Protein backbone atom coordinates (compact mmCIF):
# COMPACT_ATOMS: atom_id res chain seq x y z
CA MET A 1 -67.90 305.03 309.71
CA ARG A 2 -71.41 305.37 311.15
CA ASN A 3 -70.33 304.57 314.71
CA GLU A 4 -67.38 306.95 314.45
CA MET A 5 -69.55 309.87 313.34
CA ILE A 6 -72.19 309.23 315.98
CA GLY A 7 -69.46 308.79 318.59
CA ALA A 8 -67.91 312.11 317.57
CA VAL A 9 -71.25 313.89 317.96
CA VAL A 10 -71.83 312.30 321.37
CA ARG A 11 -68.29 313.20 322.47
CA ARG A 12 -68.86 316.82 321.43
CA ALA A 13 -72.13 316.83 323.40
CA ILE A 14 -70.31 315.54 326.49
CA GLU A 15 -67.50 318.08 326.26
CA HIS A 16 -69.60 321.12 325.25
CA PRO A 17 -72.85 321.67 327.18
CA GLU A 18 -73.92 324.49 324.85
CA PHE A 19 -73.68 322.13 321.87
CA ARG A 20 -75.63 319.53 323.85
CA GLU A 21 -78.47 322.00 324.45
CA ARG A 22 -78.56 323.07 320.79
CA LEU A 23 -78.49 319.42 319.74
CA MET A 24 -81.55 318.67 321.85
CA GLU A 25 -83.43 321.73 320.57
CA ASN A 26 -82.59 321.54 316.88
CA PRO A 27 -80.35 318.60 315.94
CA GLN A 28 -79.89 319.39 312.26
CA GLU A 29 -78.94 323.03 312.85
CA ALA A 30 -76.58 322.15 315.71
CA LEU A 31 -74.85 319.50 313.62
CA ARG A 32 -74.54 321.75 310.58
CA SER A 33 -73.16 324.67 312.60
CA HIS A 34 -70.50 322.42 314.11
CA GLY A 35 -69.43 321.03 310.74
CA PHE A 36 -70.98 317.57 310.97
CA ALA A 37 -72.20 316.19 307.66
CA LEU A 38 -74.25 313.15 308.54
CA GLU A 39 -76.20 310.80 306.34
CA GLN A 40 -79.91 310.34 307.00
CA ASN A 41 -79.49 307.10 308.96
CA GLU A 42 -76.93 308.82 311.21
CA LEU A 43 -79.27 311.78 311.71
CA ASP A 44 -82.06 309.38 312.61
CA GLU A 45 -79.84 307.71 315.20
CA ILE A 46 -78.81 311.08 316.71
CA GLN A 47 -82.46 312.10 316.95
CA ARG A 48 -83.32 308.78 318.59
CA ILE A 49 -80.51 309.27 321.11
CA SER A 50 -81.51 312.86 321.88
CA SER A 51 -85.12 311.84 322.46
CA THR A 52 -84.06 309.29 325.10
CA ILE A 53 -81.65 311.51 327.00
CA GLY A 54 -84.25 313.67 328.72
CA THR A 55 -86.43 310.73 329.70
CA SER A 56 -83.75 308.47 331.15
CA GLY A 57 -83.88 309.71 334.75
CA GLN A 58 -80.08 309.68 334.77
CA ASP A 59 -77.79 312.66 334.73
CA VAL A 60 -77.57 313.80 331.10
CA GLU A 61 -73.77 313.74 331.00
CA GLN A 62 -73.66 310.25 332.52
CA LYS A 63 -76.20 309.03 329.96
CA LEU A 64 -74.07 310.51 327.15
CA ILE A 65 -70.98 308.80 328.53
CA SER A 66 -72.83 305.47 328.49
CA ILE A 67 -73.94 306.07 324.90
CA ALA A 68 -70.41 307.06 323.86
CA GLU A 69 -69.02 303.87 325.37
CA ALA A 70 -71.58 301.87 323.40
CA TYR A 71 -70.09 303.46 320.26
CA GLY A 72 -66.51 302.75 321.35
CA ILE A 73 -65.67 306.27 322.55
CA ARG A 74 -64.10 306.76 325.97
CA LYS A 75 -64.25 310.09 327.81
CA HIS A 76 -60.77 311.39 328.60
């Protein structure tokens, strides 16, 4: 279930740039406002992912696609 929830959040961030920005600024508020109810370990993983996105040197969307693929989610 953990990978599915994290994958769903990453997919939403890929498809909705405004959600992506809110997720980077305030992850818990962004997740709550979009109806995600994550456990603490999932929140920790999302925060870890968001902290690496800006420092990767890659395009943010491309980095998210790579992360999504690692969680078994393919961009349509």
